Amino acid sequence: MPTDFKIQDGALIVAPSGEIDHHETKRLREEIDREIERCVPERVVFDFSRTSFMDSSGLGLILGRYRKASEKGIEVVIANPGEKITRILKMAGVDKLISIKGVVK
């Protein structure tokens, strides 16, 4: 699953495509952590507009990055999740910790 990274207005935009499952999370975690260390952004934005599926390992990925980013004073935002991903995020209570923008209802 290709993941695009770009810096925009002080934010690291992380845009995975396809599925985020237990097969992909280790690689994604390492790539995201490396990019956070490299550019030290003001915020990390997970753009899920091209992500079709996410399971509980994806939640762990997001929450782990949230914890690490928060320790460095970096804000985390979730953008453009589809309906299924939004439902998973809300069921897990992620929306209480991390701002979600562009929610599909």
C-alpha atoms as a PDB file:
ATOM      1  CA  MET A   1       0.000   0.000   0.000  1.00  0.00           C
ATOM      2  CA  PRO A   2       1.651   3.259  -1.060  1.00  0.00           C
ATOM      3  CA  THR A   3       1.644   6.107   1.416  1.00  0.00           C
ATOM      4  CA  ASP A   4       2.275   9.673   0.345  1.00  0.00           C
ATOM      5  CA  PHE A   5       3.980  12.122   2.675  1.00  0.00           C
ATOM      6  CA  LYS A   6       4.094  15.871   2.148  1.00  0.00           C
ATOM      7  CA  ILE A   7       4.701  18.985   4.190  1.00  0.00           C
ATOM      8  CA  GLN A   8       2.084  21.722   3.887  1.00  0.00           C
ATOM      9  CA  ASP A   9       1.707  24.794   6.107  1.00  0.00           C
ATOM     10  CA  GLY A  10       3.759  23.241   8.912  1.00  0.00           C
ATOM     11  CA  ALA A  11       1.851  19.963   8.792  1.00  0.00           C
ATOM     12  CA  LEU A  12       3.071  16.509   7.850  1.00  0.00           C
ATOM     13  CA  ILE A  13       0.315  15.046   5.673  1.00  0.00           C
ATOM     14  CA  VAL A  14       0.229  11.239   5.818  1.00  0.00           C
ATOM     15  CA  ALA A  15      -1.998   9.851   3.054  1.00  0.00           C
ATOM     16  CA  PRO A  16      -2.156   6.045   2.978  1.00  0.00           C
ATOM     17  CA  SER A  17      -4.057   4.357   0.180  1.00  0.00           C
ATOM     18  CA  GLY A  18      -5.786   1.008   0.170  1.00  0.00           C
ATOM     19  CA  GLU A  19      -6.133  -0.992   3.372  1.00  0.00           C
ATOM     20  CA  ILE A  20      -4.585  -0.479   6.794  1.00  0.00           C
ATOM     21  CA  ASP A  21      -4.422  -3.871   8.468  1.00  0.00           C
ATOM     22  CA  HIS A  22      -1.969  -5.827  10.599  1.00  0.00           C
ATOM     23  CA  HIS A  23       0.152  -6.608   7.519  1.00  0.00           C
ATOM     24  CA  GLU A  24       0.759  -2.908   6.810  1.00  0.00           C
ATOM     25  CA  THR A  25       0.926  -1.261  10.227  1.00  0.00           C
ATOM     26  CA  LYS A  26       4.556  -2.099  11.101  1.00  0.00           C
ATOM     27  CA  ARG A  27       5.851  -0.567   7.870  1.00  0.00           C
ATOM     28  CA  LEU A  28       3.543   2.436   8.198  1.00  0.00           C
ATOM     29  CA  ARG A  29       4.512   3.012  11.831  1.00  0.00           C
ATOM     30  CA  GLU A  30       8.214   3.029  10.937  1.00  0.00           C
ATOM     31  CA  GLU A  31       7.697   5.362   7.954  1.00  0.00           C
ATOM     32  CA  ILE A  32       5.533   7.814   9.892  1.00  0.00           C
ATOM     33  CA  ASP A  33       7.873   7.888  12.888  1.00  0.00           C
ATOM     34  CA  ARG A  34      10.853   8.479  10.591  1.00  0.00           C
ATOM     35  CA  GLU A  35       9.063  11.387   8.860  1.00  0.00           C
ATOM     36  CA  ILE A  36       8.013  12.948  12.184  1.00  0.00           C
ATOM     37  CA  GLU A  37      11.624  12.821  13.409  1.00  0.00           C
ATOM     38  CA  ARG A  38      12.940  14.166  10.117  1.00  0.00           C
ATOM     39  CA  CYS A  39      10.684  17.205   9.726  1.00  0.00           C
ATOM     40  CA  VAL A  40       9.351  17.842  13.286  1.00  0.00           C
ATOM     41  CA  PRO A  41       5.991  19.248  12.111  1.00  0.00           C
ATOM     42  CA  GLU A  42       3.538  21.385  14.072  1.00  0.00           C
ATOM     43  CA  ARG A  43       0.848  18.812  13.327  1.00  0.00           C
ATOM     44  CA  VAL A  44       0.401  15.406  11.717  1.00  0.00           C
ATOM     45  CA  VAL A  45      -2.646  15.015   9.483  1.00  0.00           C
ATOM     46  CA  PHE A  46      -3.801  11.518   8.602  1.00  0.00           C
ATOM     47  CA  ASP A  47      -5.618  11.941   5.291  1.00  0.00           C
ATOM     48  CA  PHE A  48      -7.789   8.855   4.818  1.00  0.00           C
ATOM     49  CA  SER A  49      -9.443   9.974   1.574  1.00  0.00           C
ATOM     50  CA  ARG A  50      -7.718   7.111  -0.295  1.00  0.00           C
ATOM     51  CA  THR A  51      -8.000   4.516   2.488  1.00  0.00           C
ATOM     52  CA  SER A  52     -10.687   1.903   1.870  1.00  0.00           C
ATOM     53  CA  PHE A  53     -10.374  -0.213   5.038  1.00  0.00           C
ATOM     54  CA  MET A  54      -8.896  -0.046   8.525  1.00  0.00           C
ATOM     55  CA  ASP A  55      -9.017  -2.631  11.295  1.00  0.00           C
ATOM     56  CA  SER A  56      -8.033  -2.440  14.976  1.00  0.00           C
ATOM     57  CA  SER A  57      -4.333  -2.462  14.109  1.00  0.00           C
ATOM     58  CA  GLY A  58      -4.962   0.822  12.274  1.00  0.00           C
ATOM     59  CA  LEU A  59      -6.458   2.244  15.461  1.00  0.00           C
ATOM     60  CA  GLY A  60      -3.309   1.190  17.297  1.00  0.00           C
ATOM     61  CA  LEU A  61      -1.206   2.857  14.636  1.00  0.00           C
ATOM     62  CA  ILE A  62      -3.091   6.151  14.979  1.00  0.00           C
ATOM     63  CA  LEU A  63      -3.164   6.106  18.781  1.00  0.00           C
ATOM     64  CA  GLY A  64       0.524   5.239  19.000  1.00  0.00           C
ATOM     65  CA  ARG A  65       1.441   8.125  16.701  1.00  0.00           C
ATOM     66  CA  TYR A  66      -0.889  10.384  18.706  1.00  0.00           C
ATOM     67  CA  ARG A  67       0.943   9.462  21.918  1.00  0.00           C
ATOM     68  CA  LYS A  68       4.385  10.042  20.412  1.00  0.00           C
ATOM     69  CA  ALA A  69       3.356  13.287  18.734  1.00  0.00           C
ATOM     70  CA  SER A  70       1.686  14.607  21.905  1.00  0.00           C
ATOM     71  CA  GLU A  71       4.893  14.017  23.858  1.00  0.00           C
ATOM     72  CA  LYS A  72       6.624  16.376  21.396  1.00  0.00           C
ATOM     73  CA  GLY A  73       3.811  18.958  21.437  1.00  0.00           C
ATOM     74  CA  ILE A  74       2.647  17.979  17.938  1.00  0.00           C
ATOM     75  CA  GLU A  75      -1.084  18.085  17.184  1.00  0.00           C
ATOM     76  CA  VAL A  76      -2.685  15.124  15.372  1.00  0.00           C
ATOM     77  CA  VAL A  77      -5.689  15.482  13.053  1.00  0.00           C
ATOM     78  CA  ILE A  78      -7.638  12.888  11.082  1.00  0.00           C
ATOM     79  CA  ALA A  79      -9.000  14.105   7.740  1.00  0.00           C
ATOM     80  CA  ASN A  80     -11.449  12.701   5.221  1.00  0.00           C
ATOM     81  CA  PRO A  81     -12.265   9.313   6.695  1.00  0.00           C
ATOM     82  CA  GLY A  82     -14.957   7.398   4.867  1.00  0.00           C
ATOM     83  CA  GLU A  83     -18.115   6.268   6.582  1.00  0.00           C
ATOM     84  CA  LYS A  84     -16.746   2.884   7.719  1.00  0.00           C
ATOM     85  CA  ILE A  85     -13.513   4.335   9.075  1.00  0.00           C
ATOM     86  CA  THR A  86     -15.424   7.126  10.817  1.00  0.00           C
ATOM     87  CA  ARG A  87     -17.630   4.524  12.497  1.00  0.00           C
ATOM     88  CA  ILE A  88     -14.570   2.575  13.747  1.00  0.00           C
ATOM     89  CA  LEU A  89     -12.920   5.759  15.037  1.00  0.00           C
ATOM     90  CA  LYS A  90     -16.055   6.838  16.903  1.00  0.00           C
ATOM     91  CA  MET A  91     -16.737   3.371  18.340  1.00  0.00           C
ATOM     92  CA  ALA A  92     -13.194   3.349  19.738  1.00  0.00           C
ATOM     93  CA  GLY A  93     -13.579   6.890  21.144  1.00  0.00           C
ATOM     94  CA  VAL A  94     -10.745   8.265  19.005  1.00  0.00           C
ATOM     95  CA  ASP A  95     -12.890  11.304  18.191  1.00  0.00           C
ATOM     96  CA  LYS A  96     -12.651  12.299  21.876  1.00  0.00           C
ATOM     97  CA  LEU A  97      -8.825  12.558  21.599  1.00  0.00           C
ATOM     98  CA  ILE A  98      -8.164  13.520  18.005  1.00  0.00           C
ATOM     99  CA  SER A  99      -9.965  16.075  15.867  1.00  0.00           C
ATOM    100  CA  ILE A 100     -11.679  14.516  12.826  1.00  0.00           C
ATOM    101  CA  LYS A 101     -12.247  16.797   9.812  1.00  0.00           C
ATOM    102  CA  GLY A 102     -14.325  16.104   6.720  1.00  0.00           C
ATOM    103  CA  VAL A 103     -16.318  13.251   8.238  1.00  0.00           C
ATOM    104  CA  VAL A 104     -18.510  11.375   5.794  1.00  0.00           C
ATOM    105  CA  LYS A 105     -21.852  10.693   7.463  1.00  0.00           C
END
